Amino acid sequence: DVQLQASGGGLVQVGGSLRLSCAVSGASFDDYAIGWFRLAPGKEREVVSCISSSDGTTYYADSVKGRFTISSDNAKNMVYLQMNSLKAEDTAVYHCATLGRKLLMLWKSPWEYDYWGQGTLVTVSS
């Protein structure tokens, strides 16, 4: 079974930083890219970043470009999202999810991700 578990969320002030972690099991990084998407009340689901760990290609939504950095540790089957210069509008529940590598060009679409686990809440206070 494919399982993903996000962790590392919390309460932080505007301008602060957090590092989210995603533990992946049952899915090979050779077959899947891993994305981070967020859910906030009243807002559309948004994929903020995606990484193809097999070749190191990364993707970022315009809303987080320059502030967030996605990375992976293939040996540990872990994916990370370093979030800097946080804004109040970054407040959301963040999930990690798998995306078949053949669908990589559709990384922005949250509906293309097939497995996703419980999220972690990030609250940015002003």
PDB file of N, CA and C in Angstrom:
ATOM      1  N   ASP A   1       0.849  -1.195   0.000  1.00  0.00           N
ATOM      2  CA  ASP A   1       0.000   0.000   0.000  1.00  0.00           C
ATOM      3  C   ASP A   1       0.888   1.250   0.000  1.00  0.00           C
ATOM      4  N   VAL A   2       0.436   2.236  -0.769  1.00  0.00           N
ATOM      5  CA  VAL A   2       1.131   3.512  -0.771  1.00  0.00           C
ATOM      6  C   VAL A   2       0.628   4.347   0.399  1.00  0.00           C
ATOM      7  N   GLN A   3       1.559   4.867   1.171  1.00  0.00           N
ATOM      8  CA  GLN A   3       1.199   5.711   2.308  1.00  0.00           C
ATOM      9  C   GLN A   3       2.098   6.940   2.343  1.00  0.00           C
ATOM     10  N   LEU A   4       1.499   8.062   2.659  1.00  0.00           N
ATOM     11  CA  LEU A   4       2.235   9.296   2.822  1.00  0.00           C
ATOM     12  C   LEU A   4       1.812   9.949   4.132  1.00  0.00           C
ATOM     13  N   GLN A   5       2.754  10.502   4.819  1.00  0.00           N
ATOM     14  CA  GLN A   5       2.472  11.171   6.083  1.00  0.00           C
ATOM     15  C   GLN A   5       3.223  12.480   6.135  1.00  0.00           C
ATOM     16  N   ALA A   6       2.474  13.558   6.195  1.00  0.00           N
ATOM     17  CA  ALA A   6       3.073  14.889   6.299  1.00  0.00           C
ATOM     18  C   ALA A   6       3.206  15.280   7.763  1.00  0.00           C
ATOM     19  N   SER A   7       4.241  16.015   8.074  1.00  0.00           N
ATOM     20  CA  SER A   7       4.449  16.495   9.441  1.00  0.00           C
ATOM     21  C   SER A   7       5.250  17.793   9.401  1.00  0.00           C
ATOM     22  N   GLY A   8       5.330  18.448  10.551  1.00  0.00           N
ATOM     23  CA  GLY A   8       6.151  19.647  10.654  1.00  0.00           C
ATOM     24  C   GLY A   8       5.404  20.959  10.689  1.00  0.00           C
ATOM     25  N   GLY A   9       4.091  20.898  10.574  1.00  0.00           N
ATOM     26  CA  GLY A   9       3.312  22.127  10.625  1.00  0.00           C
ATOM     27  C   GLY A   9       3.309  22.732  12.020  1.00  0.00           C
ATOM     28  N   GLY A  10       2.768  23.934  12.104  1.00  0.00           N
ATOM     29  CA  GLY A  10       2.698  24.595  13.389  1.00  0.00           C
ATOM     30  C   GLY A  10       2.279  26.029  13.235  1.00  0.00           C
ATOM     31  N   LEU A  11       2.433  26.773  14.319  1.00  0.00           N
ATOM     32  CA  LEU A  11       2.084  28.188  14.349  1.00  0.00           C
ATOM     33  C   LEU A  11       3.366  29.008  14.228  1.00  0.00           C
ATOM     34  N   VAL A  12       3.364  29.935  13.306  1.00  0.00           N
ATOM     35  CA  VAL A  12       4.542  30.767  13.075  1.00  0.00           C
ATOM     36  C   VAL A  12       4.083  32.179  12.730  1.00  0.00           C
ATOM     37  N   GLN A  13       4.923  33.138  13.032  1.00  0.00           N
ATOM     38  CA  GLN A  13       4.575  34.521  12.707  1.00  0.00           C
ATOM     39  C   GLN A  13       4.916  34.843  11.256  1.00  0.00           C
ATOM     40  N   VAL A  14       4.274  35.875  10.761  1.00  0.00           N
ATOM     41  CA  VAL A  14       4.589  36.345   9.413  1.00  0.00           C
ATOM     42  C   VAL A  14       6.091  36.606   9.310  1.00  0.00           C
ATOM     43  N   GLY A  15       6.659  36.127   8.217  1.00  0.00           N
ATOM     44  CA  GLY A  15       8.096  36.270   8.010  1.00  0.00           C
ATOM     45  C   GLY A  15       8.916  35.111   8.522  1.00  0.00           C
ATOM     46  N   GLY A  16       8.274  34.218   9.264  1.00  0.00           N
ATOM     47  CA  GLY A  16       8.980  33.083   9.835  1.00  0.00           C
ATOM     48  C   GLY A  16       9.155  31.935   8.850  1.00  0.00           C
ATOM     49  N   SER A  17       9.680  30.835   9.363  1.00  0.00           N
ATOM     50  CA  SER A  17       9.983  29.671   8.536  1.00  0.00           C
ATOM     51  C   SER A  17       9.480  28.395   9.186  1.00  0.00           C
ATOM     52  N   LEU A  18       9.187  27.428   8.345  1.00  0.00           N
ATOM     53  CA  LEU A  18       8.846  26.079   8.787  1.00  0.00           C
ATOM     54  C   LEU A  18       9.384  25.100   7.764  1.00  0.00           C
ATOM     55  N   ARG A  19       9.664  23.896   8.222  1.00  0.00           N
ATOM     56  CA  ARG A  19      10.074  22.829   7.316  1.00  0.00           C
ATOM     57  C   ARG A  19       9.113  21.673   7.463  1.00  0.00           C
ATOM     58  N   LEU A  20       8.443  21.355   6.378  1.00  0.00           N
ATOM     59  CA  LEU A  20       7.523  20.222   6.369  1.00  0.00           C
ATOM     60  C   LEU A  20       8.239  18.978   5.862  1.00  0.00           C
ATOM     61  N   SER A  21       7.837  17.839   6.396  1.00  0.00           N
ATOM     62  CA  SER A  21       8.404  16.562   5.974  1.00  0.00           C
ATOM     63  C   SER A  21       7.293  15.653   5.478  1.00  0.00           C
ATOM     64  N   CYS A  22       7.616  14.830   4.508  1.00  0.00           N
ATOM     65  CA  CYS A  22       6.662  13.854   3.979  1.00  0.00           C
ATOM     66  C   CYS A  22       7.357  12.501   3.930  1.00  0.00           C
ATOM     67  N   ALA A  23       6.850  11.572   4.703  1.00  0.00           N
ATOM     68  CA  ALA A  23       7.373  10.211   4.686  1.00  0.00           C
ATOM     69  C   ALA A  23       6.558   9.392   3.695  1.00  0.00           C
ATOM     70  N   VAL A  24       7.246   8.781   2.743  1.00  0.00           N
ATOM     71  CA  VAL A  24       6.582   8.029   1.674  1.00  0.00           C
ATOM     72  C   VAL A  24       6.935   6.551   1.801  1.00  0.00           C
ATOM     73  N   SER A  25       5.932   5.712   1.758  1.00  0.00           N
ATOM     74  CA  SER A  25       6.181   4.273   1.752  1.00  0.00           C
ATOM     75  C   SER A  25       5.308   3.618   0.698  1.00  0.00           C
ATOM     76  N   GLY A  26       5.820   2.538   0.117  1.00  0.00           N
ATOM     77  CA  GLY A  26       5.054   1.799  -0.871  1.00  0.00           C
ATOM     78  C   GLY A  26       5.062   2.402  -2.263  1.00  0.00           C
ATOM     79  N   ALA A  27       5.813   3.456  -2.483  1.00  0.00           N
ATOM     80  CA  ALA A  27       5.882   4.108  -3.795  1.00  0.00           C
ATOM     81  C   ALA A  27       7.335   4.412  -4.118  1.00  0.00           C
ATOM     82  N   SER A  28       7.714   4.059  -5.320  1.00  0.00           N
ATOM     83  CA  SER A  28       9.103   4.293  -5.735  1.00  0.00           C
ATOM     84  C   SER A  28       9.243   5.674  -6.365  1.00  0.00           C
ATOM     85  N   PHE A  29      10.309   6.364  -6.015  1.00  0.00           N
ATOM     86  CA  PHE A  29      10.573   7.669  -6.608  1.00  0.00           C
ATOM     87  C   PHE A  29      10.921   7.541  -8.094  1.00  0.00           C
ATOM     88  N   ASP A  30      11.191   6.311  -8.539  1.00  0.00           N
ATOM     89  CA  ASP A  30      11.412   6.110  -9.974  1.00  0.00           C
ATOM     90  C   ASP A  30      10.096   6.195 -10.745  1.00  0.00           C
ATOM     91  N   ASP A  31       8.996   5.899 -10.076  1.00  0.00           N
ATOM     92  CA  ASP A  31       7.688   5.855 -10.736  1.00  0.00           C
ATOM     93  C   ASP A  31       6.826   7.077 -10.439  1.00  0.00           C
ATOM     94  N   TYR A  32       7.124   7.751  -9.326  1.00  0.00           N
ATOM     95  CA  TYR A  32       6.258   8.841  -8.895  1.00  0.00           C
ATOM     96  C   TYR A  32       7.053  10.115  -8.611  1.00  0.00           C
ATOM     97  N   ALA A  33       6.431  11.226  -8.918  1.00  0.00           N
ATOM     98  CA  ALA A  33       6.874  12.514  -8.386  1.00  0.00           C
ATOM     99  C   ALA A  33       6.055  12.750  -7.124  1.00  0.00           C
ATOM    100  N   ILE A  34       6.549  13.620  -6.282  1.00  0.00           N
ATOM    101  CA  ILE A  34       5.838  13.953  -5.045  1.00  0.00           C
ATOM    102  C   ILE A  34       5.536  15.443  -5.039  1.00  0.00           C
ATOM    103  N   GLY A  35       4.299  15.751  -4.762  1.00  0.00           N
ATOM    104  CA  GLY A  35       3.897  17.152  -4.718  1.00  0.00           C
ATOM    105  C   GLY A  35       3.366  17.537  -3.348  1.00  0.00           C
ATOM    106  N   TRP A  36       3.403  18.819  -3.089  1.00  0.00           N
ATOM    107  CA  TRP A  36       2.784  19.383  -1.891  1.00  0.00           C
ATOM    108  C   TRP A  36       1.612  20.251  -2.345  1.00  0.00           C
ATOM    109  N   PHE A  37       0.457  20.023  -1.789  1.00  0.00           N
ATOM    110  CA  PHE A  37      -0.642  20.926  -2.061  1.00  0.00           C
ATOM    111  C   PHE A  37      -1.276  21.363  -0.736  1.00  0.00           C
ATOM    112  N   ARG A  38      -2.035  22.452  -0.815  1.00  0.00           N
ATOM    113  CA  ARG A  38      -2.606  22.995   0.411  1.00  0.00           C
ATOM    114  C   ARG A  38      -4.097  23.268   0.237  1.00  0.00           C
ATOM    115  N   LEU A  39      -4.777  23.130   1.368  1.00  0.00           N
ATOM    116  CA  LEU A  39      -6.211  23.374   1.437  1.00  0.00           C
ATOM    117  C   LEU A  39      -6.460  24.427   2.488  1.00  0.00           C
ATOM    118  N   ALA A  40      -7.151  25.480   2.077  1.00  0.00           N
ATOM    119  CA  ALA A  40      -7.504  26.540   3.014  1.00  0.00           C
ATOM    120  C   ALA A  40      -8.983  26.852   2.864  1.00  0.00           C
ATOM    121  N   PRO A  41      -9.658  27.199   3.946  1.00  0.00           N
ATOM    122  CA  PRO A  41     -11.095  27.498   3.864  1.00  0.00           C
ATOM    123  C   PRO A  41     -11.381  28.601   2.852  1.00  0.00           C
ATOM    124  N   GLY A  42     -12.343  28.340   1.993  1.00  0.00           N
ATOM    125  CA  GLY A  42     -12.740  29.343   1.029  1.00  0.00           C
ATOM    126  C   GLY A  42     -11.819  29.487  -0.161  1.00  0.00           C
ATOM    127  N   LYS A  43     -10.800  28.655  -0.231  1.00  0.00           N
ATOM    128  CA  LYS A  43      -9.853  28.759  -1.348  1.00  0.00           C
ATOM    129  C   LYS A  43      -9.798  27.446  -2.109  1.00  0.00           C
ATOM    130  N   GLU A  44      -9.386  27.541  -3.350  1.00  0.00           N
ATOM    131  CA  GLU A  44      -9.230  26.325  -4.149  1.00  0.00           C
ATOM    132  C   GLU A  44      -7.992  25.553  -3.696  1.00  0.00           C
ATOM    133  N   ARG A  45      -8.071  24.256  -3.880  1.00  0.00           N
ATOM    134  CA  ARG A  45      -6.903  23.418  -3.605  1.00  0.00           C
ATOM    135  C   ARG A  45      -5.769  23.868  -4.518  1.00  0.00           C
ATOM    136  N   GLU A  46      -4.594  24.040  -3.962  1.00  0.00           N
ATOM    137  CA  GLU A  46      -3.466  24.554  -4.742  1.00  0.00           C
ATOM    138  C   GLU A  46      -2.229  23.681  -4.561  1.00  0.00           C
ATOM    139  N   VAL A  47      -1.678  23.251  -5.672  1.00  0.00           N
ATOM    140  CA  VAL A  47      -0.399  22.554  -5.615  1.00  0.00           C
ATOM    141  C   VAL A  47       0.691  23.614  -5.562  1.00  0.00           C
ATOM    142  N   VAL A  48       1.507  23.597  -4.527  1.00  0.00           N
ATOM    143  CA  VAL A  48       2.516  24.643  -4.380  1.00  0.00           C
ATOM    144  C   VAL A  48       3.871  24.216  -4.915  1.00  0.00           C
ATOM    145  N   SER A  49       4.137  22.919  -4.930  1.00  0.00           N
ATOM    146  CA  SER A  49       5.447  22.478  -5.396  1.00  0.00           C
ATOM    147  C   SER A  49       5.417  20.993  -5.714  1.00  0.00           C
ATOM    148  N   CYS A  50       6.345  20.571  -6.552  1.00  0.00           N
ATOM    149  CA  CYS A  50       6.429  19.166  -6.935  1.00  0.00           C
ATOM    150  C   CYS A  50       7.887  18.847  -7.255  1.00  0.00           C
ATOM    151  N   ILE A  51       8.273  17.622  -6.962  1.00  0.00           N
ATOM    152  CA  ILE A  51       9.649  17.212  -7.259  1.00  0.00           C
ATOM    153  C   ILE A  51       9.649  15.840  -7.913  1.00  0.00           C
ATOM    154  N   SER A  52      10.437  15.746  -8.964  1.00  0.00           N
ATOM    155  CA  SER A  52      10.696  14.454  -9.584  1.00  0.00           C
ATOM    156  C   SER A  52      12.053  14.010  -9.061  1.00  0.00           C
ATOM    157  N   SER A  53      12.030  13.201  -8.022  1.00  0.00           N
ATOM    158  CA  SER A  53      13.279  12.881  -7.315  1.00  0.00           C
ATOM    159  C   SER A  53      14.240  12.066  -8.156  1.00  0.00           C
ATOM    160  N   SER A  54      13.733  11.362  -9.151  1.00  0.00           N
ATOM    161  CA  SER A  54      14.627  10.528  -9.960  1.00  0.00           C
ATOM    162  C   SER A  54      15.593  11.372 -10.781  1.00  0.00           C
ATOM    163  N   ASP A  55      15.183  12.604 -11.159  1.00  0.00           N
ATOM    164  CA  ASP A  55      16.100  13.455 -11.915  1.00  0.00           C
ATOM    165  C   ASP A  55      16.297  14.837 -11.297  1.00  0.00           C
ATOM    166  N   GLY A  56      15.662  15.071 -10.164  1.00  0.00           N
ATOM    167  CA  GLY A  56      15.875  16.323  -9.433  1.00  0.00           C
ATOM    168  C   GLY A  56      15.101  17.513  -9.933  1.00  0.00           C
ATOM    169  N   THR A  57      14.207  17.324 -10.888  1.00  0.00           N
ATOM    170  CA  THR A  57      13.429  18.444 -11.414  1.00  0.00           C
ATOM    171  C   THR A  57      12.421  18.919 -10.374  1.00  0.00           C
ATOM    172  N   THR A  58      12.343  20.233 -10.220  1.00  0.00           N
ATOM    173  CA  THR A  58      11.412  20.807  -9.255  1.00  0.00           C
ATOM    174  C   THR A  58      10.504  21.827  -9.932  1.00  0.00           C
ATOM    175  N   TYR A  59       9.335  21.998  -9.344  1.00  0.00           N
ATOM    176  CA  TYR A  59       8.337  22.914  -9.872  1.00  0.00           C
ATOM    177  C   TYR A  59       7.748  23.697  -8.703  1.00  0.00           C
ATOM    178  N   TYR A  60       7.409  24.965  -8.969  1.00  0.00           N
ATOM    179  CA  TYR A  60       6.838  25.812  -7.927  1.00  0.00           C
ATOM    180  C   TYR A  60       5.692  26.643  -8.485  1.00  0.00           C
ATOM    181  N   ALA A  61       4.667  26.791  -7.680  1.00  0.00           N
ATOM    182  CA  ALA A  61       3.612  27.732  -8.019  1.00  0.00           C
ATOM    183  C   ALA A  61       4.156  29.156  -7.885  1.00  0.00           C
ATOM    184  N   ASP A  62       3.611  30.069  -8.665  1.00  0.00           N
ATOM    185  CA  ASP A  62       4.073  31.458  -8.611  1.00  0.00           C
ATOM    186  C   ASP A  62       3.910  32.047  -7.209  1.00  0.00           C
ATOM    187  N   SER A  63       2.903  31.577  -6.497  1.00  0.00           N
ATOM    188  CA  SER A  63       2.604  32.126  -5.172  1.00  0.00           C
ATOM    189  C   SER A  63       3.692  31.826  -4.144  1.00  0.00           C
ATOM    190  N   VAL A  64       4.540  30.832  -4.417  1.00  0.00           N
ATOM    191  CA  VAL A  64       5.558  30.458  -3.422  1.00  0.00           C
ATOM    192  C   VAL A  64       6.968  30.514  -3.977  1.00  0.00           C
ATOM    193  N   LYS A  65       7.084  30.800  -5.259  1.00  0.00           N
ATOM    194  CA  LYS A  65       8.397  30.807  -5.897  1.00  0.00           C
ATOM    195  C   LYS A  65       9.322  31.801  -5.195  1.00  0.00           C
ATOM    196  N   GLY A  66      10.536  31.345  -4.915  1.00  0.00           N
ATOM    197  CA  GLY A  66      11.495  32.204  -4.233  1.00  0.00           C
ATOM    198  C   GLY A  66      11.399  32.143  -2.721  1.00  0.00           C
ATOM    199  N   ARG A  67      10.328  31.555  -2.199  1.00  0.00           N
ATOM    200  CA  ARG A  67      10.158  31.459  -0.751  1.00  0.00           C
ATOM    201  C   ARG A  67      10.197  30.008  -0.265  1.00  0.00           C
ATOM    202  N   PHE A  68       9.686  29.091  -1.061  1.00  0.00           N
ATOM    203  CA  PHE A  68       9.628  27.682  -0.701  1.00  0.00           C
ATOM    204  C   PHE A  68      10.659  26.902  -1.500  1.00  0.00           C
ATOM    205  N   THR A  69      11.207  25.865  -0.876  1.00  0.00           N
ATOM    206  CA  THR A  69      12.152  24.985  -1.544  1.00  0.00           C
ATOM    207  C   THR A  69      11.783  23.540  -1.258  1.00  0.00           C
ATOM    208  N   ILE A  70      11.616  22.768  -2.322  1.00  0.00           N
ATOM    209  CA  ILE A  70      11.298  21.346  -2.171  1.00  0.00           C
ATOM    210  C   ILE A  70      12.572  20.536  -2.373  1.00  0.00           C
ATOM    211  N   SER A  71      12.710  19.476  -1.605  1.00  0.00           N
ATOM    212  CA  SER A  71      13.887  18.608  -1.729  1.00  0.00           C
ATOM    213  C   SER A  71      13.503  17.196  -1.327  1.00  0.00           C
ATOM    214  N   SER A  72      14.397  16.275  -1.584  1.00  0.00           N
ATOM    215  CA  SER A  72      14.105  14.893  -1.211  1.00  0.00           C
ATOM    216  C   SER A  72      15.367  14.190  -0.742  1.00  0.00           C
ATOM    217  N   ASP A  73      15.170  13.192   0.068  1.00  0.00           N
ATOM    218  CA  ASP A  73      16.231  12.278   0.477  1.00  0.00           C
ATOM    219  C   ASP A  73      15.788  10.912  -0.005  1.00  0.00           C
ATOM    220  N   ASN A  74      16.283  10.498  -1.156  1.00  0.00           N
ATOM    221  CA  ASN A  74      15.808   9.275  -1.773  1.00  0.00           C
ATOM    222  C   ASN A  74      16.125   8.042  -0.929  1.00  0.00           C
ATOM    223  N   ALA A  75      17.228   8.069  -0.230  1.00  0.00           N
ATOM    224  CA  ALA A  75      17.612   6.929   0.598  1.00  0.00           C
ATOM    225  C   ALA A  75      16.614   6.715   1.731  1.00  0.00           C
ATOM    226  N   LYS A  76      16.014   7.801   2.195  1.00  0.00           N
ATOM    227  CA  LYS A  76      15.064   7.708   3.307  1.00  0.00           C
ATOM    228  C   LYS A  76      13.620   7.772   2.841  1.00  0.00           C
ATOM    229  N   ASN A  77      13.393   7.921   1.540  1.00  0.00           N
ATOM    230  CA  ASN A  77      12.031   8.074   1.010  1.00  0.00           C
ATOM    231  C   ASN A  77      11.300   9.238   1.681  1.00  0.00           C
ATOM    232  N   MET A  78      12.024  10.335   1.778  1.00  0.00           N
ATOM    233  CA  MET A  78      11.469  11.526   2.411  1.00  0.00           C
ATOM    234  C   MET A  78      11.484  12.687   1.425  1.00  0.00           C
ATOM    235  N   VAL A  79      10.475  13.525   1.511  1.00  0.00           N
ATOM    236  CA  VAL A  79      10.403  14.767   0.740  1.00  0.00           C
ATOM    237  C   VAL A  79      10.162  15.897   1.731  1.00  0.00           C
ATOM    238  N   TYR A  80      10.815  17.017   1.488  1.00  0.00           N
ATOM    239  CA  TYR A  80      10.734  18.143   2.410  1.00  0.00           C
ATOM    240  C   TYR A  80      10.248  19.398   1.680  1.00  0.00           C
ATOM    241  N   LEU A  81       9.643  20.272   2.441  1.00  0.00           N
ATOM    242  CA  LEU A  81       9.258  21.577   1.914  1.00  0.00           C
ATOM    243  C   LEU A  81       9.720  22.627   2.919  1.00  0.00           C
ATOM    244  N   GLN A  82      10.775  23.329   2.549  1.00  0.00           N
ATOM    245  CA  GLN A  82      11.267  24.418   3.373  1.00  0.00           C
ATOM    246  C   GLN A  82      10.504  25.686   2.997  1.00  0.00           C
ATOM    247  N   MET A  83       9.834  26.267   3.984  1.00  0.00           N
ATOM    248  CA  MET A  83       8.994  27.438   3.733  1.00  0.00           C
ATOM    249  C   MET A  83       9.573  28.629   4.489  1.00  0.00           C
ATOM    250  N   ASN A  84       9.996  29.608   3.745  1.00  0.00           N
ATOM    251  CA  ASN A  84      10.570  30.821   4.332  1.00  0.00           C
ATOM    252  C   ASN A  84       9.695  32.023   3.993  1.00  0.00           C
ATOM    253  N   SER A  85       9.922  33.105   4.711  1.00  0.00           N
ATOM    254  CA  SER A  85       9.182  34.354   4.468  1.00  0.00           C
ATOM    255  C   SER A  85       7.684  34.095   4.405  1.00  0.00           C
ATOM    256  N   LEU A  86       7.201  33.372   5.377  1.00  0.00           N
ATOM    257  CA  LEU A  86       5.795  32.968   5.365  1.00  0.00           C
ATOM    258  C   LEU A  86       4.866  34.166   5.468  1.00  0.00           C
ATOM    259  N   LYS A  87       3.737  34.045   4.776  1.00  0.00           N
ATOM    260  CA  LYS A  87       2.713  35.083   4.757  1.00  0.00           C
ATOM    261  C   LYS A  87       1.434  34.516   5.363  1.00  0.00           C
ATOM    262  N   ALA A  88       0.555  35.420   5.771  1.00  0.00           N
ATOM    263  CA  ALA A  88      -0.719  34.973   6.353  1.00  0.00           C
ATOM    264  C   ALA A  88      -1.494  34.108   5.371  1.00  0.00           C
ATOM    265  N   GLU A  89      -1.379  34.406   4.101  1.00  0.00           N
ATOM    266  CA  GLU A  89      -2.122  33.641   3.093  1.00  0.00           C
ATOM    267  C   GLU A  89      -1.552  32.249   2.846  1.00  0.00           C
ATOM    268  N   ASP A  90      -0.437  31.932   3.475  1.00  0.00           N
ATOM    269  CA  ASP A  90       0.095  30.573   3.397  1.00  0.00           C
ATOM    270  C   ASP A  90      -0.588  29.643   4.401  1.00  0.00           C
ATOM    271  N   THR A  91      -1.413  30.192   5.260  1.00  0.00           N
ATOM    272  CA  THR A  91      -2.128  29.386   6.245  1.00  0.00           C
ATOM    273  C   THR A  91      -3.016  28.371   5.545  1.00  0.00           C
ATOM    274  N   ALA A  92      -2.821  27.099   5.862  1.00  0.00           N
ATOM    275  CA  ALA A  92      -3.565  26.024   5.205  1.00  0.00           C
ATOM    276  C   ALA A  92      -3.151  24.694   5.821  1.00  0.00           C
ATOM    277  N   VAL A  93      -3.896  23.671   5.450  1.00  0.00           N
ATOM    278  CA  VAL A  93      -3.457  22.305   5.715  1.00  0.00           C
ATOM    279  C   VAL A  93      -2.666  21.846   4.501  1.00  0.00           C
ATOM    280  N   TYR A  94      -1.453  21.388   4.747  1.00  0.00           N
ATOM    281  CA  TYR A  94      -0.556  20.974   3.674  1.00  0.00           C
ATOM    282  C   TYR A  94      -0.516  19.450   3.603  1.00  0.00           C
ATOM    283  N   HIS A  95      -0.671  18.945   2.397  1.00  0.00           N
ATOM    284  CA  HIS A  95      -0.614  17.508   2.152  1.00  0.00           C
ATOM    285  C   HIS A  95       0.473  17.207   1.141  1.00  0.00           C
ATOM    286  N   CYS A  96       1.064  16.038   1.256  1.00  0.00           N
ATOM    287  CA  CYS A  96       1.932  15.565   0.184  1.00  0.00           C
ATOM    288  C   CYS A  96       1.201  14.443  -0.544  1.00  0.00           C
ATOM    289  N   ALA A  97       1.531  14.280  -1.820  1.00  0.00           N
ATOM    290  CA  ALA A  97       0.802  13.327  -2.644  1.00  0.00           C
ATOM    291  C   ALA A  97       1.683  12.823  -3.774  1.00  0.00           C
ATOM    292  N   THR A  98       1.307  11.686  -4.317  1.00  0.00           N
ATOM    293  CA  THR A  98       2.071  11.103  -5.414  1.00  0.00           C
ATOM    294  C   THR A  98       1.466  11.473  -6.759  1.00  0.00           C
ATOM    295  N   LEU A  99       2.338  11.638  -7.727  1.00  0.00           N
ATOM    296  CA  LEU A  99       1.935  11.927  -9.101  1.00  0.00           C
ATOM    297  C   LEU A  99       2.712  11.002 -10.021  1.00  0.00           C
ATOM    298  N   GLY A 100       2.016  10.223 -10.812  1.00  0.00           N
ATOM    299  CA  GLY A 100       2.704   9.359 -11.761  1.00  0.00           C
ATOM    300  C   GLY A 100       3.613  10.180 -12.669  1.00  0.00           C
ATOM    301  N   ARG A 101       4.815   9.710 -12.889  1.00  0.00           N
ATOM    302  CA  ARG A 101       5.799  10.508 -13.618  1.00  0.00           C
ATOM    303  C   ARG A 101       5.362  10.806 -15.042  1.00  0.00           C
ATOM    304  N   LYS A 102       4.508   9.974 -15.587  1.00  0.00           N
ATOM    305  CA  LYS A 102       4.018  10.241 -16.940  1.00  0.00           C
ATOM    306  C   LYS A 102       3.077  11.445 -16.960  1.00  0.00           C
ATOM    307  N   LEU A 103       2.605  11.844 -15.798  1.00  0.00           N
ATOM    308  CA  LEU A 103       1.687  12.976 -15.695  1.00  0.00           C
ATOM    309  C   LEU A 103       2.390  14.233 -15.186  1.00  0.00           C
ATOM    310  N   LEU A 104       3.693  14.230 -15.229  1.00  0.00           N
ATOM    311  CA  LEU A 104       4.453  15.302 -14.600  1.00  0.00           C
ATOM    312  C   LEU A 104       4.112  16.690 -15.152  1.00  0.00           C
ATOM    313  N   MET A 105       3.775  16.755 -16.432  1.00  0.00           N
ATOM    314  CA  MET A 105       3.438  18.053 -17.020  1.00  0.00           C
ATOM    315  C   MET A 105       2.126  18.616 -16.458  1.00  0.00           C
ATOM    316  N   LEU A 106       1.386  17.767 -15.768  1.00  0.00           N
ATOM    317  CA  LEU A 106       0.129  18.205 -15.159  1.00  0.00           C
ATOM    318  C   LEU A 106       0.290  18.447 -13.672  1.00  0.00           C
ATOM    319  N   TRP A 107       1.512  18.737 -13.246  1.00  0.00           N
ATOM    320  CA  TRP A 107       1.815  18.822 -11.822  1.00  0.00           C
ATOM    321  C   TRP A 107       0.961  19.878 -11.108  1.00  0.00           C
ATOM    322  N   LYS A 108       0.505  20.900 -11.815  1.00  0.00           N
ATOM    323  CA  LYS A 108      -0.270  21.961 -11.170  1.00  0.00           C
ATOM    324  C   LYS A 108      -1.686  21.520 -10.819  1.00  0.00           C
ATOM    325  N   SER A 109      -2.139  20.465 -11.423  1.00  0.00           N
ATOM    326  CA  SER A 109      -3.516  20.051 -11.196  1.00  0.00           C
ATOM    327  C   SER A 109      -3.604  19.095 -10.019  1.00  0.00           C
ATOM    328  N   PRO A 110      -4.241  19.505  -8.934  1.00  0.00           N
ATOM    329  CA  PRO A 110      -4.316  18.631  -7.758  1.00  0.00           C
ATOM    330  C   PRO A 110      -5.100  17.351  -8.020  1.00  0.00           C
ATOM    331  N   TRP A 111      -5.919  17.345  -9.070  1.00  0.00           N
ATOM    332  CA  TRP A 111      -6.768  16.190  -9.353  1.00  0.00           C
ATOM    333  C   TRP A 111      -6.009  15.054 -10.018  1.00  0.00           C
ATOM    334  N   GLU A 112      -4.775  15.310 -10.434  1.00  0.00           N
ATOM    335  CA  GLU A 112      -3.983  14.269 -11.079  1.00  0.00           C
ATOM    336  C   GLU A 112      -3.194  13.429 -10.071  1.00  0.00           C
ATOM    337  N   TYR A 113      -3.163  13.888  -8.834  1.00  0.00           N
ATOM    338  CA  TYR A 113      -2.411  13.153  -7.808  1.00  0.00           C
ATOM    339  C   TYR A 113      -3.271  12.001  -7.309  1.00  0.00           C
ATOM    340  N   ASP A 114      -2.663  10.846  -7.129  1.00  0.00           N
ATOM    341  CA  ASP A 114      -3.481   9.691  -6.802  1.00  0.00           C
ATOM    342  C   ASP A 114      -3.442   9.284  -5.332  1.00  0.00           C
ATOM    343  N   TYR A 115      -2.312   9.308  -4.714  1.00  0.00           N
ATOM    344  CA  TYR A 115      -2.258   8.942  -3.299  1.00  0.00           C
ATOM    345  C   TYR A 115      -1.864  10.172  -2.476  1.00  0.00           C
ATOM    346  N   TRP A 116      -2.598  10.429  -1.433  1.00  0.00           N
ATOM    347  CA  TRP A 116      -2.216  11.499  -0.520  1.00  0.00           C
ATOM    348  C   TRP A 116      -2.645  11.121   0.885  1.00  0.00           C
ATOM    349  N   GLY A 117      -1.908  11.601   1.827  1.00  0.00           N
ATOM    350  CA  GLY A 117      -2.147  11.209   3.206  1.00  0.00           C
ATOM    351  C   GLY A 117      -2.655  12.359   4.044  1.00  0.00           C
ATOM    352  N   GLN A 118      -2.670  12.118   5.340  1.00  0.00           N
ATOM    353  CA  GLN A 118      -3.126  13.137   6.271  1.00  0.00           C
ATOM    354  C   GLN A 118      -2.203  14.348   6.200  1.00  0.00           C
ATOM    355  N   GLY A 119      -2.768  15.518   6.283  1.00  0.00           N
ATOM    356  CA  GLY A 119      -1.989  16.728   6.143  1.00  0.00           C
ATOM    357  C   GLY A 119      -1.485  17.251   7.465  1.00  0.00           C
ATOM    358  N   THR A 120      -0.792  18.369   7.371  1.00  0.00           N
ATOM    359  CA  THR A 120      -0.273  19.045   8.552  1.00  0.00           C
ATOM    360  C   THR A 120      -0.652  20.524   8.458  1.00  0.00           C
ATOM    361  N   LEU A 121      -1.134  21.060   9.588  1.00  0.00           N
ATOM    362  CA  LEU A 121      -1.667  22.422   9.584  1.00  0.00           C
ATOM    363  C   LEU A 121      -0.556  23.440   9.778  1.00  0.00           C
ATOM    364  N   VAL A 122      -0.530  24.417   8.896  1.00  0.00           N
ATOM    365  CA  VAL A 122       0.386  25.550   9.008  1.00  0.00           C
ATOM    366  C   VAL A 122      -0.449  26.803   9.246  1.00  0.00           C
ATOM    367  N   THR A 123      -0.173  27.476  10.342  1.00  0.00           N
ATOM    368  CA  THR A 123      -0.890  28.708  10.664  1.00  0.00           C
ATOM    369  C   THR A 123       0.126  29.836  10.772  1.00  0.00           C
ATOM    370  N   VAL A 124      -0.082  30.845   9.938  1.00  0.00           N
ATOM    371  CA  VAL A 124       0.823  31.993   9.943  1.00  0.00           C
ATOM    372  C   VAL A 124       0.070  33.181  10.519  1.00  0.00           C
ATOM    373  N   SER A 125       0.527  33.668  11.638  1.00  0.00           N
ATOM    374  CA  SER A 125      -0.172  34.763  12.321  1.00  0.00           C
ATOM    375  C   SER A 125       0.485  36.096  12.022  1.00  0.00           C
ATOM    376  N   SER A 126      -0.369  37.108  11.918  1.00  0.00           N
ATOM    377  CA  SER A 126       0.152  38.461  11.621  1.00  0.00           C
ATOM    378  C   SER A 126       0.204  39.311  12.881  1.00  0.00           C
TER     379      SER A 126
END
